[in-house]
Amino acid sequence: MLRSFVESILTWYQSQLQTWGAPLVGFMMALESTVVPIPSEVIIPPAAHLAYTHPGGKLSIIGIIIAGTLGSWIGASIMYWTARIAGRPLMLKYGKVVLISPDNIEGAERWAKHFGPMGVFISRLLPVVRHLIGIPAGLVKMDYKLFSLFTVLGSGIWCAVLCWLGIKMGQDEALMKGEYQQIVKWLALIMVALGSIYYFFVHRQMKSVDKTA
């Protein structure tokens, strides 16, 4: 049921990109930064691809980066204030309702305590923790101005990287024709890169944090 819901949102998103432009990108990135399981990898690249292949339309690369960054900050802020106001016991109790396990929350909380605002910056560039980091930041009552600053910086860089990927995809004629092998190749490269970053900068670090806790 959840999968079909997400797929329907993505189908609607791609059909409305040319009509709504950057504001729609911002809206989707705000959702991505909350608990809605929509990866940014399927939001930004298609928009950048459209901007590259249809210049002069409602989408531009700069507009996509700004909208994506602003949306990410809004979504992350919602998670931050929800966690800060609701408190740790309530988040641990009801987090699983929105597919966030206590282990996810506790692990992200240790990450936030250990790395502070810089951890927010790094998390915006990584899978899994990027949409969770607002929760532990709120729980540990991290300074909101610093949280916002590093969220914007990290999100801006991430949106720029995904835009670059969308442009490269737009230069791939086979991909533009919808050839399955090319689509698989790009997705595989994305997942390998993200998986490697996650393992070296989060998984291993979290283990060292656990040992020192």
N, C-alpha and C. Protein backbone atom coordinates (compact mmCIF):
# COMPACT_ATOMS: atom_id res chain seq x y z
N MET A 1 0.82 -1.20 0.00
CA MET A 1 0.00 0.00 0.00
C MET A 1 0.86 1.27 0.00
N LEU A 2 1.88 1.30 0.87
CA LEU A 2 2.76 2.46 0.95
C LEU A 2 3.52 2.64 -0.36
N ARG A 3 3.97 1.52 -0.93
CA ARG A 3 4.73 1.60 -2.18
C ARG A 3 3.86 2.19 -3.30
N SER A 4 2.63 1.73 -3.40
CA SER A 4 1.74 2.24 -4.44
C SER A 4 1.43 3.72 -4.22
N PHE A 5 1.34 4.12 -2.94
CA PHE A 5 1.09 5.53 -2.61
C PHE A 5 2.25 6.39 -3.09
N VAL A 6 3.48 5.96 -2.79
CA VAL A 6 4.66 6.72 -3.20
C VAL A 6 4.77 6.76 -4.71
N GLU A 7 4.52 5.63 -5.36
CA GLU A 7 4.59 5.57 -6.82
C GLU A 7 3.57 6.51 -7.46
N SER A 8 2.40 6.59 -6.86
CA SER A 8 1.37 7.49 -7.41
C SER A 8 1.78 8.94 -7.26
N ILE A 9 2.44 9.28 -6.12
CA ILE A 9 2.93 10.64 -5.91
C ILE A 9 3.99 10.99 -6.94
N LEU A 10 4.91 10.06 -7.19
CA LEU A 10 5.98 10.30 -8.14
C LEU A 10 5.44 10.44 -9.56
N THR A 11 4.46 9.63 -9.90
CA THR A 11 3.84 9.72 -11.23
C THR A 11 3.19 11.10 -11.40
N TRP A 12 2.46 11.52 -10.37
CA TRP A 12 1.83 12.84 -10.40
C TRP A 12 2.88 13.93 -10.49
N TYR A 13 3.96 13.79 -9.74
CA TYR A 13 5.04 14.79 -9.72
C TYR A 13 5.62 14.99 -11.11
N GLN A 14 5.97 13.91 -11.77
CA GLN A 14 6.59 14.02 -13.08
C GLN A 14 5.63 14.60 -14.12
N SER A 15 4.35 14.32 -13.95
CA SER A 15 3.37 14.85 -14.90
C SER A 15 3.10 16.33 -14.70
N GLN A 16 3.41 16.85 -13.51
CA GLN A 16 3.11 18.24 -13.18
C GLN A 16 4.34 19.15 -13.16
N LEU A 17 5.52 18.59 -13.40
CA LEU A 17 6.75 19.36 -13.32
C LEU A 17 6.75 20.57 -14.25
N GLN A 18 6.37 20.37 -15.48
CA GLN A 18 6.38 21.46 -16.44
C GLN A 18 5.36 22.54 -16.10
N THR A 19 4.29 22.13 -15.43
CA THR A 19 3.23 23.09 -15.09
C THR A 19 3.59 23.93 -13.88
N TRP A 20 4.07 23.30 -12.82
CA TRP A 20 4.31 23.99 -11.55
C TRP A 20 5.76 24.42 -11.34
N GLY A 21 6.68 23.76 -12.02
CA GLY A 21 8.07 24.18 -11.94
C GLY A 21 8.72 24.04 -10.58
N ALA A 22 9.57 25.03 -10.23
CA ALA A 22 10.38 24.97 -9.01
C ALA A 22 9.56 24.85 -7.73
N PRO A 23 8.41 25.53 -7.59
CA PRO A 23 7.65 25.37 -6.34
C PRO A 23 7.27 23.92 -6.06
N LEU A 24 7.00 23.15 -7.11
CA LEU A 24 6.67 21.74 -6.92
C LEU A 24 7.89 20.96 -6.44
N VAL A 25 9.07 21.31 -6.97
CA VAL A 25 10.31 20.68 -6.52
C VAL A 25 10.51 20.95 -5.03
N GLY A 26 10.28 22.21 -4.62
CA GLY A 26 10.42 22.57 -3.22
C GLY A 26 9.45 21.81 -2.33
N PHE A 27 8.22 21.66 -2.80
CA PHE A 27 7.21 20.92 -2.04
C PHE A 27 7.61 19.46 -1.86
N MET A 28 8.09 18.84 -2.93
CA MET A 28 8.48 17.43 -2.86
C MET A 28 9.71 17.24 -1.96
N MET A 29 10.64 18.18 -2.00
CA MET A 29 11.82 18.07 -1.15
C MET A 29 11.47 18.30 0.31
N ALA A 30 10.43 19.11 0.56
CA ALA A 30 9.96 19.28 1.93
C ALA A 30 9.39 17.97 2.45
N LEU A 31 8.62 17.28 1.61
CA LEU A 31 8.10 15.97 1.99
C LEU A 31 9.23 14.99 2.23
N GLU A 32 10.23 15.02 1.34
CA GLU A 32 11.37 14.09 1.44
C GLU A 32 12.14 14.27 2.74
N SER A 33 12.12 15.49 3.27
CA SER A 33 12.87 15.77 4.50
C SER A 33 12.05 15.51 5.75
N THR A 34 10.83 15.00 5.59
CA THR A 34 10.04 14.60 6.74
C THR A 34 10.06 13.07 6.82
N VAL A 35 8.91 12.46 7.02
CA VAL A 35 8.87 11.00 7.15
C VAL A 35 8.31 10.32 5.90
N VAL A 36 8.00 11.11 4.87
CA VAL A 36 7.48 10.52 3.63
C VAL A 36 8.64 9.88 2.88
N PRO A 37 8.57 8.57 2.60
CA PRO A 37 9.70 7.86 2.00
C PRO A 37 9.86 8.11 0.50
N ILE A 38 10.15 9.36 0.15
CA ILE A 38 10.40 9.72 -1.24
C ILE A 38 11.86 10.16 -1.36
N PRO A 39 12.71 9.40 -2.00
CA PRO A 39 14.13 9.77 -2.09
C PRO A 39 14.35 10.98 -2.98
N SER A 40 15.27 11.84 -2.58
CA SER A 40 15.58 13.03 -3.37
C SER A 40 16.15 12.66 -4.74
N GLU A 41 16.69 11.45 -4.84
CA GLU A 41 17.27 11.00 -6.11
C GLU A 41 16.23 10.85 -7.23
N VAL A 42 14.95 10.81 -6.86
CA VAL A 42 13.91 10.72 -7.90
C VAL A 42 13.14 12.04 -8.00
N ILE A 43 13.60 13.06 -7.26
CA ILE A 43 12.95 14.38 -7.32
C ILE A 43 13.80 15.37 -8.13
N ILE A 44 15.03 15.57 -7.72
CA ILE A 44 15.88 16.59 -8.34
C ILE A 44 16.36 16.21 -9.74
N PRO A 45 16.96 15.02 -9.96
CA PRO A 45 17.47 14.71 -11.30
C PRO A 45 16.43 14.83 -12.43
N PRO A 46 15.20 14.32 -12.26
CA PRO A 46 14.22 14.49 -13.35
C PRO A 46 13.93 15.96 -13.65
N ALA A 47 13.89 16.79 -12.60
CA ALA A 47 13.65 18.22 -12.80
C ALA A 47 14.81 18.87 -13.55
N ALA A 48 16.04 18.52 -13.14
CA ALA A 48 17.23 19.06 -13.81
C ALA A 48 17.30 18.57 -15.25
N HIS A 49 16.94 17.33 -15.45
CA HIS A 49 16.90 16.74 -16.79
C HIS A 49 15.93 17.53 -17.68
N LEU A 50 14.77 17.86 -17.14
CA LEU A 50 13.77 18.62 -17.88
C LEU A 50 14.26 20.03 -18.16
N ALA A 51 14.91 20.65 -17.16
CA ALA A 51 15.44 22.00 -17.35
C ALA A 51 16.51 22.02 -18.43
N TYR A 52 17.33 20.97 -18.48
CA TYR A 52 18.42 20.89 -19.46
C TYR A 52 17.90 20.64 -20.87
N THR A 53 16.91 19.80 -20.98
CA THR A 53 16.41 19.42 -22.31
C THR A 53 15.33 20.38 -22.83
N HIS A 54 14.78 21.23 -21.93
CA HIS A 54 13.74 22.19 -22.34
C HIS A 54 14.08 23.58 -21.78
N PRO A 55 15.18 24.18 -22.28
CA PRO A 55 15.57 25.51 -21.77
C PRO A 55 14.49 26.54 -22.11
N GLY A 56 14.36 27.51 -21.23
CA GLY A 56 13.37 28.55 -21.46
C GLY A 56 12.02 28.26 -20.84
N GLY A 57 11.87 27.08 -20.22
CA GLY A 57 10.62 26.72 -19.57
C GLY A 57 10.54 27.25 -18.15
N LYS A 58 9.69 26.66 -17.34
CA LYS A 58 9.50 27.12 -15.97
C LYS A 58 10.59 26.63 -15.02
N LEU A 59 11.44 25.73 -15.51
CA LEU A 59 12.49 25.18 -14.66
C LEU A 59 13.86 25.67 -15.10
N SER A 60 14.69 26.01 -14.12
CA SER A 60 16.09 26.32 -14.36
C SER A 60 16.92 25.62 -13.30
N ILE A 61 18.17 25.39 -13.59
CA ILE A 61 19.03 24.67 -12.64
C ILE A 61 19.15 25.46 -11.33
N ILE A 62 19.38 26.76 -11.43
CA ILE A 62 19.49 27.59 -10.22
C ILE A 62 18.19 27.55 -9.43
N GLY A 63 17.08 27.67 -10.14
CA GLY A 63 15.78 27.64 -9.47
C GLY A 63 15.53 26.32 -8.77
N ILE A 64 15.95 25.22 -9.38
CA ILE A 64 15.77 23.89 -8.78
C ILE A 64 16.60 23.76 -7.51
N ILE A 65 17.85 24.24 -7.56
CA ILE A 65 18.72 24.15 -6.38
C ILE A 65 18.15 24.98 -5.23
N ILE A 66 17.70 26.20 -5.54
CA ILE A 66 17.14 27.06 -4.50
C ILE A 66 15.87 26.45 -3.92
N ALA A 67 14.97 25.99 -4.81
CA ALA A 67 13.70 25.41 -4.35
C ALA A 67 13.94 24.14 -3.55
N GLY A 68 14.87 23.29 -4.04
CA GLY A 68 15.17 22.04 -3.34
C GLY A 68 15.77 22.29 -1.97
N THR A 69 16.67 23.28 -1.89
CA THR A 69 17.30 23.62 -0.61
C THR A 69 16.28 24.18 0.37
N LEU A 70 15.43 25.10 -0.10
CA LEU A 70 14.41 25.69 0.76
C LEU A 70 13.42 24.63 1.24
N GLY A 71 13.01 23.76 0.32
CA GLY A 71 12.08 22.69 0.70
C GLY A 71 12.69 21.76 1.73
N SER A 72 13.96 21.41 1.55
CA SER A 72 14.65 20.54 2.51
C SER A 72 14.70 21.18 3.89
N TRP A 73 14.98 22.48 3.91
CA TRP A 73 15.04 23.19 5.19
C TRP A 73 13.67 23.22 5.87
N ILE A 74 12.62 23.45 5.10
CA ILE A 74 11.27 23.48 5.66
C ILE A 74 10.89 22.12 6.25
N GLY A 75 11.13 21.05 5.48
CA GLY A 75 10.81 19.71 5.96
C GLY A 75 11.61 19.33 7.19
N ALA A 76 12.92 19.65 7.16
CA ALA A 76 13.78 19.34 8.30
C ALA A 76 13.37 20.14 9.53
N SER A 77 12.93 21.38 9.32
CA SER A 77 12.49 22.22 10.43
C SER A 77 11.22 21.67 11.06
N ILE A 78 10.33 21.14 10.24
CA ILE A 78 9.11 20.52 10.77
C ILE A 78 9.47 19.36 11.69
N MET A 79 10.43 18.53 11.25
CA MET A 79 10.86 17.40 12.06
C MET A 79 11.56 17.87 13.33
N TYR A 80 12.37 18.92 13.21
CA TYR A 80 13.10 19.46 14.36
C TYR A 80 12.13 19.92 15.44
N TRP A 81 11.16 20.76 15.06
CA TRP A 81 10.25 21.33 16.05
C TRP A 81 9.26 20.30 16.58
N THR A 82 8.89 19.34 15.73
CA THR A 82 8.01 18.27 16.20
C THR A 82 8.70 17.48 17.31
N ALA A 83 9.97 17.12 17.07
CA ALA A 83 10.73 16.36 18.06
C ALA A 83 11.00 17.18 19.31
N ARG A 84 11.34 18.44 19.11
CA ARG A 84 11.68 19.30 20.26
C ARG A 84 10.47 19.54 21.17
N ILE A 85 9.31 19.71 20.55
CA ILE A 85 8.09 19.97 21.33
C ILE A 85 7.51 18.67 21.90
N ALA A 86 7.48 17.61 21.08
CA ALA A 86 6.87 16.35 21.51
C ALA A 86 7.72 15.64 22.56
N GLY A 87 9.05 15.72 22.41
CA GLY A 87 9.93 15.08 23.38
C GLY A 87 10.29 13.65 22.99
N ARG A 88 11.35 13.15 23.61
CA ARG A 88 11.91 11.84 23.29
C ARG A 88 10.94 10.68 23.53
N PRO A 89 10.27 10.58 24.70
CA PRO A 89 9.39 9.43 24.94
C PRO A 89 8.28 9.29 23.88
N LEU A 90 7.71 10.43 23.50
CA LEU A 90 6.62 10.39 22.52
C LEU A 90 7.14 9.98 21.15
N MET A 91 8.31 10.47 20.77
CA MET A 91 8.89 10.13 19.47
C MET A 91 9.25 8.65 19.42
N LEU A 92 9.80 8.13 20.52
CA LEU A 92 10.15 6.71 20.56
C LEU A 92 8.91 5.83 20.52
N LYS A 93 7.84 6.30 21.14
CA LYS A 93 6.61 5.51 21.21
C LYS A 93 5.87 5.48 19.88
N TYR A 94 5.80 6.64 19.23
CA TYR A 94 4.97 6.74 18.03
C TYR A 94 5.77 6.84 16.73
N GLY A 95 7.09 6.84 16.84
CA GLY A 95 7.91 6.92 15.63
C GLY A 95 7.66 5.78 14.66
N LYS A 96 7.41 4.60 15.20
CA LYS A 96 7.20 3.43 14.34
C LYS A 96 5.94 3.55 13.49
N VAL A 97 5.02 4.42 13.91
CA VAL A 97 3.80 4.63 13.13
C VAL A 97 4.15 5.20 11.76
N VAL A 98 5.20 6.01 11.70
CA VAL A 98 5.64 6.59 10.44
C VAL A 98 6.95 5.95 9.97
N LEU A 99 7.12 4.66 10.33
CA LEU A 99 8.22 3.83 9.85
C LEU A 99 9.59 4.28 10.36
N ILE A 100 9.63 4.92 11.54
CA ILE A 100 10.90 5.28 12.16
C ILE A 100 11.02 4.48 13.45
N SER A 101 11.94 3.53 13.46
CA SER A 101 12.07 2.65 14.62
C SER A 101 12.83 3.35 15.74
N PRO A 102 12.67 2.87 16.98
CA PRO A 102 13.45 3.43 18.10
C PRO A 102 14.95 3.37 17.84
N ASP A 103 15.41 2.29 17.20
CA ASP A 103 16.84 2.17 16.88
C ASP A 103 17.28 3.29 15.94
N ASN A 104 16.43 3.61 14.94
CA ASN A 104 16.74 4.70 14.03
C ASN A 104 16.90 6.01 14.79
N ILE A 105 15.96 6.28 15.68
CA ILE A 105 15.97 7.53 16.43
C ILE A 105 17.17 7.60 17.37
N GLU A 106 17.42 6.50 18.10
CA GLU A 106 18.53 6.50 19.05
C GLU A 106 19.88 6.60 18.34
N GLY A 107 20.00 5.92 17.19
CA GLY A 107 21.24 6.01 16.44
C GLY A 107 21.48 7.42 15.91
N ALA A 108 20.44 8.02 15.37
CA ALA A 108 20.56 9.39 14.86
C ALA A 108 20.81 10.37 16.00
N GLU A 109 20.24 10.09 17.17
CA GLU A 109 20.44 10.96 18.33
C GLU A 109 21.90 10.92 18.78
N ARG A 110 22.48 9.72 18.80
CA ARG A 110 23.90 9.61 19.16
C ARG A 110 24.76 10.37 18.15
N TRP A 111 24.37 10.26 16.87
CA TRP A 111 25.09 10.95 15.80
C TRP A 111 25.05 12.46 16.04
N ALA A 112 23.86 12.99 16.37
CA ALA A 112 23.70 14.42 16.58
C ALA A 112 24.51 14.90 17.78
N LYS A 113 24.48 14.12 18.87
CA LYS A 113 25.23 14.50 20.08
C LYS A 113 26.72 14.48 19.82
N HIS A 114 27.17 13.49 19.07
CA HIS A 114 28.61 13.31 18.85
C HIS A 114 29.18 14.35 17.89
N PHE A 115 28.46 14.62 16.80
CA PHE A 115 29.00 15.48 15.75
C PHE A 115 28.43 16.90 15.76
N GLY A 116 27.35 17.12 16.51
CA GLY A 116 26.79 18.46 16.61
C GLY A 116 26.30 19.01 15.28
N PRO A 117 26.34 20.34 15.10
CA PRO A 117 25.86 20.95 13.86
C PRO A 117 26.55 20.42 12.61
N MET A 118 27.85 20.10 12.71
CA MET A 118 28.54 19.55 11.54
C MET A 118 27.94 18.21 11.13
N GLY A 119 27.41 17.47 12.10
CA GLY A 119 26.74 16.21 11.78
C GLY A 119 25.49 16.45 10.95
N VAL A 120 24.83 17.58 11.19
CA VAL A 120 23.66 17.94 10.38
C VAL A 120 24.09 18.17 8.94
N PHE A 121 25.18 18.90 8.77
CA PHE A 121 25.71 19.17 7.43
C PHE A 121 26.03 17.86 6.70
N ILE A 122 26.76 16.97 7.37
CA ILE A 122 27.15 15.70 6.74
C ILE A 122 25.93 14.86 6.44
N SER A 123 24.97 14.85 7.35
CA SER A 123 23.79 14.00 7.18
C SER A 123 22.97 14.39 5.96
N ARG A 124 23.00 15.67 5.58
CA ARG A 124 22.24 16.11 4.42
C ARG A 124 22.80 15.55 3.11
N LEU A 125 24.00 14.99 3.18
CA LEU A 125 24.63 14.42 2.00
C LEU A 125 24.54 12.90 1.98
N LEU A 126 23.86 12.31 2.96
CA LEU A 126 23.86 10.87 3.12
C LEU A 126 22.45 10.29 3.10
N PRO A 127 22.33 9.04 2.63
CA PRO A 127 21.03 8.37 2.69
C PRO A 127 20.69 7.97 4.12
N VAL A 128 19.45 7.59 4.34
CA VAL A 128 18.94 7.09 5.62
C VAL A 128 18.86 8.20 6.68
N VAL A 129 20.03 8.78 7.04
CA VAL A 129 20.02 9.76 8.13
C VAL A 129 19.56 11.14 7.69
N ARG A 130 19.57 11.43 6.37
CA ARG A 130 19.29 12.80 5.92
C ARG A 130 17.87 13.25 6.30
N HIS A 131 16.89 12.34 6.23
CA HIS A 131 15.54 12.75 6.57
C HIS A 131 15.20 12.52 8.04
N LEU A 132 16.17 11.93 8.79
CA LEU A 132 15.95 11.68 10.22
C LEU A 132 16.63 12.70 11.12
N ILE A 133 17.62 13.41 10.59
CA ILE A 133 18.49 14.20 11.45
C ILE A 133 17.73 15.31 12.19
N GLY A 134 16.62 15.78 11.64
CA GLY A 134 15.84 16.81 12.33
C GLY A 134 15.29 16.33 13.66
N ILE A 135 15.01 15.03 13.76
CA ILE A 135 14.45 14.48 14.99
C ILE A 135 15.45 14.54 16.14
N PRO A 136 16.64 13.95 16.00
CA PRO A 136 17.59 14.02 17.12
C PRO A 136 18.08 15.44 17.39
N ALA A 137 18.18 16.26 16.34
CA ALA A 137 18.60 17.64 16.56
C ALA A 137 17.59 18.37 17.45
N GLY A 138 16.31 18.08 17.23
CA GLY A 138 15.28 18.67 18.08
C GLY A 138 15.29 18.09 19.48
N LEU A 139 15.52 16.79 19.57
CA LEU A 139 15.52 16.13 20.88
C LEU A 139 16.65 16.63 21.77
N VAL A 140 17.83 16.87 21.16
CA VAL A 140 18.96 17.35 21.96
C VAL A 140 18.96 18.88 22.08
N LYS A 141 17.90 19.50 21.53
CA LYS A 141 17.73 20.96 21.58
C LYS A 141 18.93 21.70 20.99
N MET A 142 19.38 21.24 19.85
CA MET A 142 20.45 21.92 19.13
C MET A 142 20.01 23.34 18.78
N ASP A 143 20.94 24.28 18.80
CA ASP A 143 20.61 25.65 18.45
C ASP A 143 19.96 25.69 17.06
N TYR A 144 18.75 26.24 16.99
CA TYR A 144 17.99 26.18 15.73
C TYR A 144 18.66 26.96 14.60
N LYS A 145 19.33 28.06 14.95
CA LYS A 145 20.00 28.84 13.90
C LYS A 145 21.14 28.05 13.28
N LEU A 146 21.91 27.35 14.13
CA LEU A 146 22.99 26.52 13.60
C LEU A 146 22.42 25.34 12.82
N PHE A 147 21.36 24.74 13.34
CA PHE A 147 20.70 23.64 12.64
C PHE A 147 20.25 24.08 11.25
N SER A 148 19.65 25.25 11.18
CA SER A 148 19.16 25.77 9.91
C SER A 148 20.31 26.06 8.95
N LEU A 149 21.37 26.69 9.47
CA LEU A 149 22.52 27.04 8.64
C LEU A 149 23.13 25.81 7.99
N PHE A 150 23.42 24.78 8.79
CA PHE A 150 24.08 23.60 8.25
C PHE A 150 23.12 22.75 7.41
N THR A 151 21.83 22.84 7.71
CA THR A 151 20.84 22.15 6.87
C THR A 151 20.81 22.78 5.49
N VAL A 152 20.81 24.10 5.43
CA VAL A 152 20.79 24.81 4.15
C VAL A 152 22.07 24.55 3.35
N LEU A 153 23.21 24.60 4.03
CA LEU A 153 24.48 24.37 3.34
C LEU A 153 24.55 22.95 2.76
N GLY A 154 24.25 21.97 3.60
CA GLY A 154 24.31 20.58 3.14
C GLY A 154 23.29 20.29 2.06
N SER A 155 22.08 20.80 2.23
CA SER A 155 21.01 20.55 1.25
C SER A 155 21.34 21.22 -0.08
N GLY A 156 21.91 22.42 -0.02
CA GLY A 156 22.28 23.12 -1.24
C GLY A 156 23.30 22.34 -2.06
N ILE A 157 24.31 21.83 -1.37
CA ILE A 157 25.33 21.04 -2.06
C ILE A 157 24.72 19.77 -2.65
N TRP A 158 23.87 19.11 -1.86
CA TRP A 158 23.26 17.86 -2.32
C TRP A 158 22.36 18.10 -3.54
N CYS A 159 21.59 19.18 -3.50
CA CYS A 159 20.71 19.49 -4.64
C CYS A 159 21.55 19.81 -5.88
N ALA A 160 22.68 20.49 -5.69
CA ALA A 160 23.56 20.81 -6.82
C ALA A 160 24.13 19.54 -7.44
N VAL A 161 24.54 18.60 -6.57
CA VAL A 161 25.08 17.32 -7.07
C VAL A 161 24.02 16.56 -7.86
N LEU A 162 22.80 16.53 -7.33
CA LEU A 162 21.73 15.82 -8.02
C LEU A 162 21.34 16.52 -9.32
N CYS A 163 21.46 17.84 -9.35
CA CYS A 163 21.22 18.57 -10.60
C CYS A 163 22.27 18.21 -11.64
N TRP A 164 23.52 18.13 -11.20
CA TRP A 164 24.58 17.72 -12.11
C TRP A 164 24.28 16.34 -12.70
N LEU A 165 23.81 15.45 -11.83
CA LEU A 165 23.46 14.11 -12.30
C LEU A 165 22.33 14.18 -13.32
N GLY A 166 21.33 15.03 -13.05
CA GLY A 166 20.22 15.18 -14.00
C GLY A 166 20.68 15.71 -15.34
N ILE A 167 21.65 16.64 -15.32
CA ILE A 167 22.19 17.18 -16.56
C ILE A 167 22.94 16.11 -17.33
N LYS A 168 23.76 15.33 -16.63
CA LYS A 168 24.49 14.23 -17.28
C LYS A 168 23.51 13.23 -17.88
N MET A 169 22.43 12.98 -17.19
CA MET A 169 21.40 12.09 -17.72
C MET A 169 20.79 12.69 -18.99
N GLY A 170 20.61 14.03 -18.98
CA GLY A 170 20.05 14.69 -20.14
C GLY A 170 20.97 14.64 -21.34
N GLN A 171 22.26 14.46 -21.11
CA GLN A 171 23.22 14.35 -22.20
C GLN A 171 23.34 12.93 -22.73
N ASP A 172 22.68 12.00 -22.02
CA ASP A 172 22.74 10.58 -22.40
C ASP A 172 21.56 10.27 -23.31
N GLU A 173 21.81 10.18 -24.62
CA GLU A 173 20.74 9.98 -25.59
C GLU A 173 20.00 8.66 -25.35
N ALA A 174 20.75 7.63 -24.98
CA ALA A 174 20.11 6.33 -24.75
C ALA A 174 19.15 6.41 -23.57
N LEU A 175 19.57 7.16 -22.54
CA LEU A 175 18.72 7.31 -21.36
C LEU A 175 17.46 8.12 -21.71
N MET A 176 17.65 9.14 -22.51
CA MET A 176 16.53 9.99 -22.91
C MET A 176 15.49 9.20 -23.70
N LYS A 177 15.94 8.16 -24.38
CA LYS A 177 15.02 7.31 -25.14
C LYS A 177 14.38 6.24 -24.25
N GLY A 178 14.78 6.22 -22.99
CA GLY A 178 14.17 5.29 -22.05
C GLY A 178 14.73 3.89 -22.10
N GLU A 179 15.99 3.74 -22.55
CA GLU A 179 16.57 2.41 -22.64
C GLU A 179 16.85 1.89 -21.23
N TYR A 180 16.34 0.72 -20.94
CA TYR A 180 16.36 0.15 -19.60
C TYR A 180 17.78 -0.01 -19.07
N GLN A 181 18.70 -0.48 -19.89
CA GLN A 181 20.06 -0.73 -19.41
C GLN A 181 20.73 0.55 -18.93
N GLN A 182 20.48 1.67 -19.62
CA GLN A 182 21.08 2.93 -19.21
C GLN A 182 20.49 3.43 -17.90
N ILE A 183 19.19 3.26 -17.75
CA ILE A 183 18.54 3.67 -16.51
C ILE A 183 19.10 2.87 -15.34
N VAL A 184 19.25 1.57 -15.52
CA VAL A 184 19.81 0.70 -14.48
C VAL A 184 21.24 1.12 -14.16
N LYS A 185 22.00 1.47 -15.18
CA LYS A 185 23.40 1.86 -14.97
C LYS A 185 23.49 3.10 -14.08
N TRP A 186 22.69 4.11 -14.37
CA TRP A 186 22.71 5.33 -13.58
C TRP A 186 22.25 5.08 -12.15
N LEU A 187 21.19 4.32 -11.99
CA LEU A 187 20.68 4.02 -10.65
C LEU A 187 21.71 3.24 -9.84
N ALA A 188 22.38 2.30 -10.50
CA ALA A 188 23.40 1.50 -9.82
C ALA A 188 24.56 2.38 -9.35
N LEU A 189 24.99 3.31 -10.20
CA LEU A 189 26.08 4.22 -9.82
C LEU A 189 25.69 5.07 -8.62
N ILE A 190 24.45 5.56 -8.63
CA ILE A 190 23.97 6.38 -7.51
C ILE A 190 23.98 5.58 -6.23
N MET A 191 23.44 4.35 -6.27
CA MET A 191 23.32 3.54 -5.06
C MET A 191 24.68 3.11 -4.53
N VAL A 192 25.62 2.79 -5.43
CA VAL A 192 26.96 2.40 -4.99
C VAL A 192 27.66 3.58 -4.31
N ALA A 193 27.55 4.77 -4.92
CA ALA A 193 28.20 5.95 -4.34
C ALA A 193 27.60 6.29 -2.98
N LEU A 194 26.27 6.30 -2.89
CA LEU A 194 25.61 6.63 -1.63
C LEU A 194 25.89 5.56 -0.57
N GLY A 195 25.87 4.29 -0.99
CA GLY A 195 26.13 3.21 -0.05
C GLY A 195 27.54 3.29 0.53
N SER A 196 28.51 3.65 -0.31
CA SER A 196 29.90 3.77 0.14
C SER A 196 30.05 4.92 1.12
N ILE A 197 29.43 6.06 0.80
CA ILE A 197 29.50 7.22 1.68
C ILE A 197 28.85 6.90 3.02
N TYR A 198 27.69 6.25 2.96
CA TYR A 198 26.98 5.90 4.19
C TYR A 198 27.82 4.98 5.06
N TYR A 199 28.45 3.97 4.45
CA TYR A 199 29.22 3.01 5.24
C TYR A 199 30.41 3.67 5.92
N PHE A 200 31.16 4.47 5.18
CA PHE A 200 32.39 5.03 5.73
C PHE A 200 32.15 6.21 6.67
N PHE A 201 31.08 6.98 6.43
CA PHE A 201 30.88 8.18 7.23
C PHE A 201 29.79 8.06 8.29
N VAL A 202 28.96 7.03 8.19
CA VAL A 202 27.90 6.87 9.19
C VAL A 202 28.02 5.54 9.92
N HIS A 203 27.96 4.43 9.21
CA HIS A 203 27.95 3.11 9.83
C HIS A 203 29.17 2.89 10.72
N ARG A 204 30.36 3.15 10.19
CA ARG A 204 31.57 2.95 10.97
C ARG A 204 31.66 3.96 12.12
N GLN A 205 31.24 5.19 11.85
CA GLN A 205 31.28 6.20 12.90
C GLN A 205 30.32 5.87 14.03
N MET A 206 29.13 5.37 13.67
CA MET A 206 28.15 5.03 14.68
C MET A 206 28.65 3.89 15.58
N LYS A 207 29.38 2.96 15.01
CA LYS A 207 29.95 1.89 15.80
C LYS A 207 30.95 2.42 16.81
N SER A 208 31.77 3.38 16.37
CA SER A 208 32.75 3.96 17.29
C SER A 208 32.07 4.76 18.37
N VAL A 209 30.96 5.42 18.03
CA VAL A 209 30.19 6.16 19.03
C VAL A 209 29.62 5.22 20.05
N ASP A 210 29.08 4.08 19.59
CA ASP A 210 28.50 3.08 20.50
C ASP A 210 29.54 2.59 21.50
N LYS A 211 30.78 2.39 21.03
CA LYS A 211 31.83 1.86 21.89
C LYS A 211 32.23 2.86 22.99
N THR A 212 32.11 4.15 22.64
CA THR A 212 32.52 5.17 23.61
C THR A 212 31.37 5.63 24.49
N ALA A 213 30.12 5.17 24.13
CA ALA A 213 28.94 5.61 24.90
C ALA A 213 28.92 4.96 26.26
